[in-house]
Protein backbone atom coordinates (compact mmCIF):
# COMPACT_ATOMS: atom_id res chain seq x y z
CA UNK A 1 14.75 -3.09 -51.08
CA UNK A 2 14.56 -6.63 -49.71
CA UNK A 3 11.87 -8.57 -52.11
CA UNK A 4 8.97 -10.73 -49.55
CA UNK A 5 11.22 -13.79 -51.00
CA UNK A 6 13.90 -13.15 -49.50
CA UNK A 7 12.78 -11.82 -46.61
CA UNK A 8 10.47 -14.88 -45.67
CA UNK A 9 13.80 -17.39 -46.93
CA UNK A 10 15.56 -15.00 -44.03
CA UNK A 11 12.58 -15.54 -41.81
CA UNK A 12 13.10 -18.97 -41.89
CA UNK A 13 17.20 -18.87 -41.17
CA UNK A 14 17.35 -17.19 -38.65
CA UNK A 15 13.16 -17.15 -36.82
CA UNK A 16 12.87 -21.71 -38.13
CA UNK A 17 10.54 -23.38 -39.89
CA UNK A 18 6.44 -22.44 -40.42
CA UNK A 19 6.41 -18.95 -39.08
CA UNK A 20 3.28 -17.79 -39.40
CA UNK A 21 2.03 -14.98 -41.53
CA UNK A 22 -0.88 -13.71 -42.91
CA UNK A 23 -1.83 -14.20 -46.81
CA UNK A 24 -0.67 -15.47 -50.06
CA UNK A 25 1.94 -12.46 -50.33
CA UNK A 26 2.55 -11.66 -47.02
CA UNK A 27 2.49 -7.82 -46.02
CA UNK A 28 5.79 -6.01 -45.23
CA UNK A 29 4.00 -3.49 -42.78
CA UNK A 30 6.45 -0.70 -41.57
CA UNK A 31 4.28 2.51 -40.04
CA UNK A 32 0.81 2.96 -37.80
CA UNK A 33 -1.43 4.95 -37.00
CA UNK A 34 -5.11 5.03 -36.15
CA UNK A 35 -6.57 2.86 -38.25
CA UNK A 36 -4.18 2.68 -41.25
CA UNK A 37 -1.18 0.10 -41.11
CA UNK A 38 1.50 1.03 -44.58
CA UNK A 39 3.34 -1.20 -46.18
CA UNK A 40 7.42 -0.77 -47.63
CA UNK A 41 5.67 0.77 -50.37
CA UNK A 42 4.03 2.88 -49.21
CA UNK A 43 0.93 1.18 -49.28
CA UNK A 44 -1.92 1.79 -46.56
CA UNK A 45 -3.85 -0.81 -45.74
CA UNK A 46 -7.56 0.09 -43.47
CA UNK A 47 -6.23 -2.65 -40.08
CA UNK A 48 -9.47 -3.98 -39.38
CA UNK A 49 -8.22 -7.29 -37.41
CA UNK A 50 -5.71 -6.00 -34.91
CA UNK A 51 -7.20 -5.79 -31.00
CA UNK A 52 -3.31 -4.80 -30.07
CA UNK A 53 -3.56 -1.46 -30.82
CA UNK A 54 -6.14 -1.45 -28.73
CA UNK A 55 -6.55 2.93 -28.83
CA UNK A 56 -5.11 2.94 -32.43
CA UNK A 57 -1.86 2.19 -33.59
CA UNK A 58 0.79 4.60 -32.33
CA UNK A 59 -1.16 7.00 -30.02
CA UNK A 60 0.60 9.78 -28.48
CA UNK A 61 -0.37 9.08 -25.50
CA UNK A 62 0.59 5.73 -25.05
CA UNK A 63 3.70 6.71 -27.03
CA UNK A 64 3.99 9.49 -24.69
CA UNK A 65 3.59 7.78 -21.52
CA UNK A 66 6.34 4.88 -22.10
CA UNK A 67 8.82 7.25 -22.89
CA UNK A 68 8.93 8.86 -20.30
CA UNK A 69 8.50 6.61 -17.88
CA UNK A 70 11.57 4.69 -20.16
CA UNK A 71 13.29 7.10 -19.20
CA UNK A 72 12.91 7.98 -15.83
CA UNK A 73 12.93 4.25 -14.52
CA UNK A 74 11.69 0.71 -15.18
CA UNK A 75 13.17 -2.31 -12.78
CA UNK A 76 10.98 -5.11 -11.26
CA UNK A 77 8.43 -5.25 -8.86
CA UNK A 78 11.19 -6.31 -5.94
CA UNK A 79 11.32 -2.93 -5.88
CA UNK A 80 8.62 -0.41 -4.50
CA UNK A 81 7.14 1.77 -6.97
CA UNK A 82 3.63 3.36 -7.24
CA UNK A 83 2.75 2.97 -10.96
CA UNK A 84 1.65 -0.65 -10.60
CA UNK A 85 -0.59 -0.35 -7.57
CA UNK A 86 -1.64 2.66 -9.15
CA UNK A 87 -2.83 1.20 -12.08
CA UNK A 88 -4.26 -1.99 -10.37
CA UNK A 89 -6.55 0.28 -8.28
CA UNK A 90 -7.67 1.90 -11.70
CA UNK A 91 -8.12 -1.13 -13.58
CA UNK A 92 -9.86 -3.30 -10.56
CA UNK A 93 -12.57 -0.73 -10.84
CA UNK A 94 -13.47 -1.55 -13.42
CA UNK A 95 -14.30 -4.92 -12.28
CA UNK A 96 -17.20 -6.47 -10.17
CA UNK A 97 -16.63 -5.76 -6.39
CA UNK A 98 -15.09 -9.39 -5.48
CA UNK A 99 -12.19 -9.10 -8.46
CA UNK A 100 -9.67 -6.77 -5.98
CA UNK A 101 -6.49 -8.22 -6.64
CA UNK A 102 -4.19 -8.60 -9.76
CA UNK A 103 -0.65 -10.25 -10.55
CA UNK A 104 0.80 -8.29 -13.60
CA UNK A 105 2.65 -10.50 -16.52
CA UNK A 106 4.15 -10.29 -19.95
CA UNK A 107 1.76 -12.33 -22.27
CA UNK A 108 -1.58 -13.90 -22.35
CA UNK A 109 -0.37 -17.70 -22.70
CA UNK A 110 1.59 -16.46 -19.42
CA UNK A 111 -1.40 -15.44 -17.46
CA UNK A 112 -3.49 -18.16 -18.38
CA UNK A 113 -0.89 -20.82 -17.48
CA UNK A 114 -1.23 -18.32 -14.05
CA UNK A 115 -4.62 -18.37 -13.75
CA UNK A 116 -4.86 -22.13 -14.49
CA UNK A 117 -2.04 -22.79 -11.46
CA UNK A 118 -4.12 -20.37 -9.39
CA UNK A 119 -7.33 -22.67 -9.81
CA UNK A 120 -5.34 -25.63 -8.63
CA UNK A 121 -4.30 -24.18 -5.59
CA UNK A 122 -7.55 -22.52 -4.93
CA UNK A 123 -10.06 -25.98 -5.21
CA UNK A 124 -6.81 -28.44 -4.95
CA UNK A 125 -7.84 -29.76 -7.82
CA UNK A 126 -6.52 -30.60 -11.51
CA UNK A 127 -9.59 -31.52 -14.14
CA UNK A 128 -10.00 -28.64 -16.95
CA UNK A 129 -12.44 -28.37 -18.90
CA UNK A 130 -12.47 -26.30 -22.36
CA UNK A 131 -13.92 -25.92 -25.37
CA UNK A 132 -12.59 -27.80 -28.20
CA UNK A 133 -11.85 -25.00 -31.27
CA UNK A 134 -10.18 -22.51 -28.71
CA UNK A 135 -7.05 -21.05 -27.93
CA UNK A 136 -5.39 -19.69 -24.64
CA UNK A 137 -2.28 -19.60 -25.06
CA UNK A 138 1.37 -21.62 -25.93
CA UNK A 139 2.65 -22.96 -22.26
CA UNK A 140 3.14 -26.60 -22.49
CA UNK A 141 0.17 -26.59 -19.50
CA UNK A 142 -1.77 -24.10 -21.50
CA UNK A 143 -1.56 -25.61 -25.08
CA UNK A 144 -2.96 -28.88 -23.60
CA UNK A 145 -6.63 -26.85 -24.36
CA UNK A 146 -6.61 -26.70 -27.76
CA UNK A 147 -6.71 -29.23 -29.92
CA UNK A 148 -5.09 -26.90 -33.25
CA UNK A 149 -2.51 -29.04 -32.66
CA UNK A 150 -2.61 -32.21 -30.45
CA UNK A 151 0.63 -31.87 -27.94
CA UNK A 152 3.87 -34.67 -28.34
CA UNK A 153 2.08 -38.02 -26.17
CA UNK A 154 -1.29 -37.16 -26.26
CA UNK A 155 -3.59 -34.76 -23.86
CA UNK A 156 -2.53 -34.93 -20.23
CA UNK A 157 -5.34 -36.77 -18.53
CA UNK A 158 -6.71 -33.87 -16.28
CA UNK A 159 -7.90 -32.02 -20.10
CA UNK A 160 -10.94 -32.60 -20.81
CA UNK A 161 -12.57 -31.02 -24.13
CA UNK A 162 -16.14 -29.99 -24.52
CA UNK A 163 -18.02 -29.03 -28.44
CA UNK A 164 -17.80 -25.35 -29.00
CA UNK A 165 -20.93 -23.06 -28.63
CA UNK A 166 -22.43 -23.02 -32.49
CA UNK A 167 -25.17 -20.54 -32.52
CA UNK A 168 -25.78 -21.67 -36.54
CA UNK A 169 -25.15 -25.40 -35.75
CA UNK A 170 -26.33 -25.40 -32.44
CA UNK A 171 -26.03 -29.16 -30.29
CA UNK A 172 -29.29 -29.73 -29.92
CA UNK A 173 -30.72 -28.78 -33.42
CA UNK A 174 -31.50 -25.86 -31.92
CA UNK A 175 -31.31 -22.63 -30.42
CA UNK A 176 -32.58 -20.84 -27.48
CA UNK A 177 -32.65 -22.90 -23.43
CA UNK A 178 -32.41 -26.54 -25.44
CA UNK A 179 -28.80 -24.88 -27.02
CA UNK A 180 -28.36 -24.07 -23.24
CA UNK A 181 -28.57 -27.30 -21.79
CA UNK A 182 -27.73 -29.31 -24.50
CA UNK A 183 -23.98 -27.77 -24.30
CA UNK A 184 -24.79 -28.05 -20.30
CA UNK A 185 -24.42 -31.66 -20.52
CA UNK A 186 -21.52 -31.57 -22.05
CA UNK A 187 -19.90 -30.21 -19.44
CA UNK A 188 -21.91 -31.65 -17.15
CA UNK A 189 -20.17 -34.67 -19.27
CA UNK A 190 -16.68 -33.60 -18.34
CA UNK A 191 -17.16 -32.94 -15.18
CA UNK A 192 -18.69 -36.76 -14.32
CA UNK A 193 -14.87 -37.60 -16.36
CA UNK A 194 -12.53 -36.22 -14.67
CA UNK A 195 -14.39 -36.88 -10.77
CA UNK A 196 -14.31 -40.14 -11.79
CA UNK A 197 -10.62 -40.10 -12.68
CA UNK A 198 -9.57 -38.40 -9.66
CA UNK A 199 -8.44 -35.67 -10.53
CA UNK A 200 -11.59 -33.83 -9.35
CA UNK A 201 -12.03 -30.28 -11.19
CA UNK A 202 -10.23 -27.25 -10.82
CA UNK A 203 -12.00 -24.68 -13.55
CA UNK A 204 -13.39 -24.08 -16.37
CA UNK A 205 -11.53 -21.92 -18.56
CA UNK A 206 -13.42 -20.11 -21.10
CA UNK A 207 -13.33 -17.02 -23.36
CA UNK A 208 -16.91 -15.41 -22.15
CA UNK A 209 -17.14 -14.00 -26.36
CA UNK A 210 -15.89 -16.94 -27.33
CA UNK A 211 -13.88 -15.28 -30.32
CA UNK A 212 -11.73 -18.52 -31.62
CA UNK A 213 -14.86 -20.55 -31.93
CA UNK A 214 -16.56 -18.06 -34.47
CA UNK A 215 -18.16 -15.68 -32.18
CA UNK A 216 -21.62 -17.54 -32.24
CA UNK A 217 -24.63 -15.59 -31.24
CA UNK A 218 -25.50 -16.30 -27.60
CA UNK A 219 -27.97 -15.05 -25.29
CA UNK A 220 -27.21 -13.93 -21.18
CA UNK A 221 -27.72 -16.90 -18.87
CA UNK A 222 -26.28 -19.07 -22.14
CA UNK A 223 -23.19 -19.93 -19.45
CA UNK A 224 -25.53 -20.37 -15.97
CA UNK A 225 -26.13 -24.11 -16.32
CA UNK A 226 -22.48 -24.78 -17.17
CA UNK A 227 -21.04 -22.93 -14.44
CA UNK A 228 -23.17 -24.04 -12.10
CA UNK A 229 -22.09 -27.54 -13.16
CA UNK A 230 -18.17 -26.71 -12.23
CA UNK A 231 -18.84 -24.70 -9.13
CA UNK A 232 -21.33 -27.61 -7.67
CA UNK A 233 -18.19 -29.95 -8.00
CA UNK A 234 -15.74 -27.74 -6.47
CA UNK A 235 -14.21 -26.06 -9.44
CA UNK A 236 -13.52 -22.22 -10.43
CA UNK A 237 -14.51 -20.33 -13.68
CA UNK A 238 -12.12 -18.47 -15.45
CA UNK A 239 -12.67 -16.11 -18.40
CA UNK A 240 -9.93 -15.05 -20.50
CA UNK A 241 -11.04 -11.87 -21.76
CA UNK A 242 -8.14 -11.02 -24.03
CA UNK A 243 -9.96 -10.88 -26.90
CA UNK A 244 -13.63 -9.31 -25.73
CA UNK A 245 -12.22 -6.83 -23.08
CA UNK A 246 -11.91 -3.52 -22.50
CA UNK A 247 -15.04 -2.23 -23.44
CA UNK A 248 -14.64 -4.07 -27.50
CA UNK A 249 -18.14 -5.25 -27.52
CA UNK A 250 -19.34 -1.86 -26.82
CA UNK A 251 -22.15 -2.91 -24.62
CA UNK A 252 -19.76 -3.45 -22.12
CA UNK A 253 -16.09 -3.55 -20.35
CA UNK A 254 -15.55 -7.26 -20.45
CA UNK A 255 -17.55 -10.32 -22.44
CA UNK A 256 -18.66 -12.16 -19.13
CA UNK A 257 -20.68 -9.30 -18.14
CA UNK A 258 -22.16 -9.32 -21.49
CA UNK A 259 -22.86 -13.10 -20.93
CA UNK A 260 -24.27 -12.58 -17.52
CA UNK A 261 -21.77 -15.02 -15.46
CA UNK A 262 -19.41 -13.62 -12.60
CA UNK A 263 -15.72 -15.70 -12.70
CA UNK A 264 -13.36 -16.35 -10.17
CA UNK A 265 -10.68 -15.36 -12.28
CA UNK A 266 -10.21 -13.52 -15.10
CA UNK A 267 -6.85 -13.01 -17.51
CA UNK A 268 -6.07 -10.25 -19.84
CA UNK A 269 -3.45 -9.49 -22.01
CA UNK A 270 -3.43 -8.54 -26.32
CA UNK A 271 -4.84 -5.04 -26.05
CA UNK A 272 -3.93 -3.94 -22.75
CA UNK A 273 -1.58 -1.54 -22.53
CA UNK A 274 -1.64 -0.83 -26.94
CA UNK A 275 1.01 -3.20 -28.23
CA UNK A 276 3.21 -2.74 -25.38
CA UNK A 277 3.92 -7.03 -23.70
CA UNK A 278 2.23 -6.66 -20.83
CA UNK A 279 -0.35 -8.92 -19.16
CA UNK A 280 -2.93 -9.91 -16.09
CA UNK A 281 -4.94 -12.34 -13.70
CA UNK A 282 -7.40 -10.75 -11.69
CA UNK A 283 -9.44 -12.16 -9.33
CA UNK A 284 -10.15 -11.70 -5.24
CA UNK A 285 -7.24 -11.53 -2.37
CA UNK A 286 -7.51 -15.00 -0.97
CA UNK A 287 -8.04 -16.37 -4.23
CA UNK A 288 -4.54 -14.75 -4.96
CA UNK A 289 -3.01 -15.87 -1.93
CA UNK A 290 -3.85 -18.91 -2.07
CA UNK A 291 -1.83 -18.87 -5.76
CA UNK A 292 0.96 -16.94 -4.11
CA UNK A 293 1.00 -19.82 -0.57
CA UNK A 294 1.38 -22.55 -3.05
CA UNK A 295 3.36 -21.54 -5.87
CA UNK A 296 5.65 -18.24 -4.66
CA UNK A 297 4.98 -16.43 -8.31
CA UNK A 298 7.67 -13.75 -9.53
CA UNK A 299 7.52 -12.61 -12.97
CA UNK A 300 10.45 -10.37 -13.49
CA UNK A 301 9.06 -7.73 -16.80
CA UNK A 302 5.96 -8.62 -14.64
CA UNK A 303 4.45 -4.82 -13.92
CA UNK A 304 7.48 -2.62 -14.78
CA UNK A 305 7.33 0.67 -14.05
CA UNK A 306 7.44 1.18 -18.25
CA UNK A 307 4.56 -1.20 -18.49
CA UNK A 308 2.16 0.04 -16.60
CA UNK A 309 2.13 3.58 -17.89
CA UNK A 310 1.37 2.55 -20.74
CA UNK A 311 -1.12 0.49 -19.03
CA UNK A 312 -2.76 3.44 -17.70
CA UNK A 313 -2.98 5.72 -20.55
CA UNK A 314 -4.91 3.13 -22.48
CA UNK A 315 -7.26 3.18 -19.62
CA UNK A 316 -7.40 6.79 -19.72
CA UNK A 317 -7.67 6.80 -23.00
CA UNK A 318 -10.66 4.33 -23.66
CA UNK A 319 -12.27 6.66 -20.94
CA UNK A 320 -11.18 10.00 -22.45
CA UNK A 321 -12.32 9.26 -25.97
CA UNK A 322 -14.86 7.38 -25.21
CA UNK A 323 -14.17 4.15 -26.85
CA UNK A 324 -16.74 2.56 -25.43
CA UNK A 325 -19.68 4.36 -27.05
CA UNK A 326 -18.09 4.38 -29.75
CA UNK A 327 -17.38 0.46 -30.28
CA UNK A 328 -21.34 -0.03 -29.72
CA UNK A 329 -22.19 2.62 -32.45
CA UNK A 330 -20.17 1.33 -35.13
CA UNK A 331 -20.18 -1.99 -34.60
CA UNK A 332 -24.45 -1.35 -35.60
CA UNK A 333 -23.52 0.46 -38.15
CA UNK A 334 -21.36 -1.92 -39.82
CA UNK A 335 -23.12 -4.87 -38.81
CA UNK A 336 -26.29 -3.15 -40.31
CA UNK A 337 -23.66 -2.75 -43.77
CA UNK A 338 -23.25 -6.41 -43.48
CA UNK A 339 -26.69 -7.68 -43.82
CA UNK A 340 -27.43 -5.27 -46.29
CA UNK A 341 -24.60 -6.91 -47.93
CA UNK A 342 -25.98 -10.58 -47.17
CA UNK A 343 -29.74 -9.27 -48.72
CA UNK A 344 -27.59 -9.14 -52.29
CA UNK A 345 -25.14 -12.22 -51.45
CA UNK A 346 -27.32 -15.47 -50.26
CA UNK A 347 -23.25 -16.85 -49.73
CA UNK A 348 -23.23 -15.03 -46.02
CA UNK A 349 -25.16 -17.01 -43.94
CA UNK A 350 -24.27 -15.29 -41.10
CA UNK A 351 -24.50 -11.68 -39.46
CA UNK A 352 -23.55 -11.13 -36.29
CA UNK A 353 -20.74 -9.62 -33.15
CA UNK A 354 -20.76 -7.26 -30.56
CA UNK A 355 -19.31 -3.41 -30.85
CA UNK A 356 -15.81 -3.72 -32.42
CA UNK A 357 -15.78 -8.27 -33.10
CA UNK A 358 -18.62 -8.59 -35.34
CA UNK A 359 -18.30 -11.03 -38.67
CA UNK A 360 -20.23 -12.48 -41.49
CA UNK A 361 -20.22 -16.75 -41.98
CA UNK A 362 -19.89 -17.88 -45.27
CA UNK A 363 -21.80 -20.68 -46.25
CA UNK A 364 -22.28 -22.94 -49.64
CA UNK A 365 -26.10 -23.85 -48.89
CA UNK A 366 -29.51 -23.68 -46.96
CA UNK A 367 -28.50 -26.44 -44.80
CA UNK A 368 -25.11 -23.41 -43.76
CA UNK A 369 -22.94 -25.80 -45.12
CA UNK A 370 -19.39 -23.49 -44.60
CA UNK A 371 -17.52 -22.16 -47.37
CA UNK A 372 -13.94 -22.35 -45.77
CA UNK A 373 -12.12 -21.95 -49.40
CA UNK A 374 -14.27 -19.00 -50.15
CA UNK A 375 -13.95 -16.74 -46.54
CA UNK A 376 -9.71 -17.61 -47.25
CA UNK A 377 -10.19 -16.16 -50.83
CA UNK A 378 -12.91 -13.19 -49.94
CA UNK A 379 -9.95 -12.81 -46.45
CA UNK A 380 -6.80 -12.60 -49.89
CA UNK A 381 -9.45 -10.37 -51.73
CA UNK A 382 -9.62 -7.82 -49.25
CA UNK A 383 -6.03 -7.23 -49.25
CA UNK A 384 -5.34 -6.78 -52.38
CA UNK A 385 -8.44 -3.78 -51.64
CA UNK A 386 -6.13 -2.65 -49.13
CA UNK A 387 -8.08 -4.10 -46.14
CA UNK A 388 -7.10 -7.00 -44.01
CA UNK A 389 -9.09 -8.58 -42.24
CA UNK A 390 -8.80 -12.49 -41.28
CA UNK A 391 -11.20 -15.60 -40.48
CA UNK A 392 -11.57 -18.33 -38.20
CA UNK A 393 -14.75 -20.18 -36.01
CA UNK A 394 -15.88 -24.16 -37.62
CA UNK A 395 -14.11 -24.75 -40.22
CA UNK A 396 -12.69 -20.91 -40.66
CA UNK A 397 -15.63 -19.48 -42.71
CA UNK A 398 -16.75 -16.98 -40.44
CA UNK A 399 -15.24 -13.51 -41.31
CA UNK A 400 -13.14 -11.29 -38.21
CA UNK A 401 -13.43 -8.27 -38.15
CA UNK A 402 -11.45 -7.12 -34.68
CA UNK A 403 -10.49 -3.10 -35.53
CA UNK A 404 -8.59 -0.57 -33.25
CA UNK A 405 -11.56 1.06 -31.78
CA UNK A 406 -11.01 4.22 -32.45
CA UNK A 407 -12.90 2.41 -35.83
CA UNK A 408 -15.18 5.33 -37.32
CA UNK A 409 -18.48 4.78 -39.73
CA UNK A 410 -16.47 6.46 -42.42
CA UNK A 411 -14.33 3.05 -41.83
CA UNK A 412 -17.24 1.14 -42.11
CA UNK A 413 -18.38 3.04 -45.22
CA UNK A 414 -15.03 1.52 -46.54
CA UNK A 415 -15.27 -1.38 -45.28
CA UNK A 416 -18.34 -2.55 -46.42
CA UNK A 417 -18.24 -1.37 -50.18
CA UNK A 418 -14.86 -3.10 -50.89
CA UNK A 419 -16.27 -6.60 -49.73
CA UNK A 420 -19.36 -5.95 -51.80
CA UNK A 421 -16.90 -5.91 -54.29
CA UNK A 422 -14.85 -8.59 -53.87
CA UNK A 423 -17.67 -10.31 -53.27
CA UNK A 424 -18.94 -9.66 -56.95
CA UNK A 425 -15.79 -10.60 -57.91
CA UNK A 426 -15.25 -13.58 -56.41
CA UNK A 427 -16.77 -17.17 -58.10
CA UNK A 428 -19.46 -18.00 -56.44
CA UNK A 429 -18.98 -21.83 -54.34
């Protein structure tokens, strides 16, 4: 059997350096089923992290749909096939009436790249506003939106970053209306800067759940002022639903519905086809048409029959198995368990989330100083207990728990019991 060190050396040689892995001792996974992953030694791990296998690893209906369509036909969209039309009809039925059309692509990065260009086409402007802790992908255009690794040569002059919302440490120093007003003011400053520079405002691109920003607890209507400022300047709103979409948050199918906005453009990806590389941009017909006329876009693999079959199976499973309702029920049950742990362990400063996207922020003191190193120790400790999760948010001090949608109350029990043990065993910060 190949050792971990040999496998890492082979990865480095064949795939290049700095290929990211989770955990100090990376997991060598060989099988997935439902909410479970199995490593090369036969050890099972409870998957509390991956939103890609949305309806569970290797769901039989998705596997059958892929195999059956692959055995029949797979080609690109310059030939006619009904699968893409059937799928887009079923998909857009899950959105508000103004979102009627879609462009199929292969990844969230591609989807967001297209969305930025779509915003340019429909507004005639270039300026883009994003938060300073976001992640929307890794194309040349989209990577400009992240501050994790500043681009070579610096940020383009048409990009503006605003502080990510933080419900634990709000910009205004206070929650509620003052917090929302403070965030709106930052967006208004970005709008003014873009207008003064001559770029104008094309779009505000956000994950409406602010997933990578640590999924702050924000009230419905929080974004209303920011959205208004962008639209008054002639821009549009792009909602990146790659993480909160497809019912994960339990209360709604889409994050933008929960926060109370109606974006002109929506991007989706990761969970869309349960691991098959499928993504899309959804917009109104006129918005999409403006893009088509301006750029003449074509994607060889986007919307191919196999991808559409896999994606359609996922849509059907979500409804057939009641997975949105399950996300709400199990997610609420999990947060209750986390709050019970919070009463025992003051290092848990905040419990938050929605549906099957939840977590706990670890803090050093009553001033809510993030406990980054401690959170990393918890992640490693949970892995040792056979549970896979990770961290993100402000100084990476928030546990990120985002399991497949078939996660159960029984799975929550295993998770909470293990977390209690790890918190007990890990030296306090």
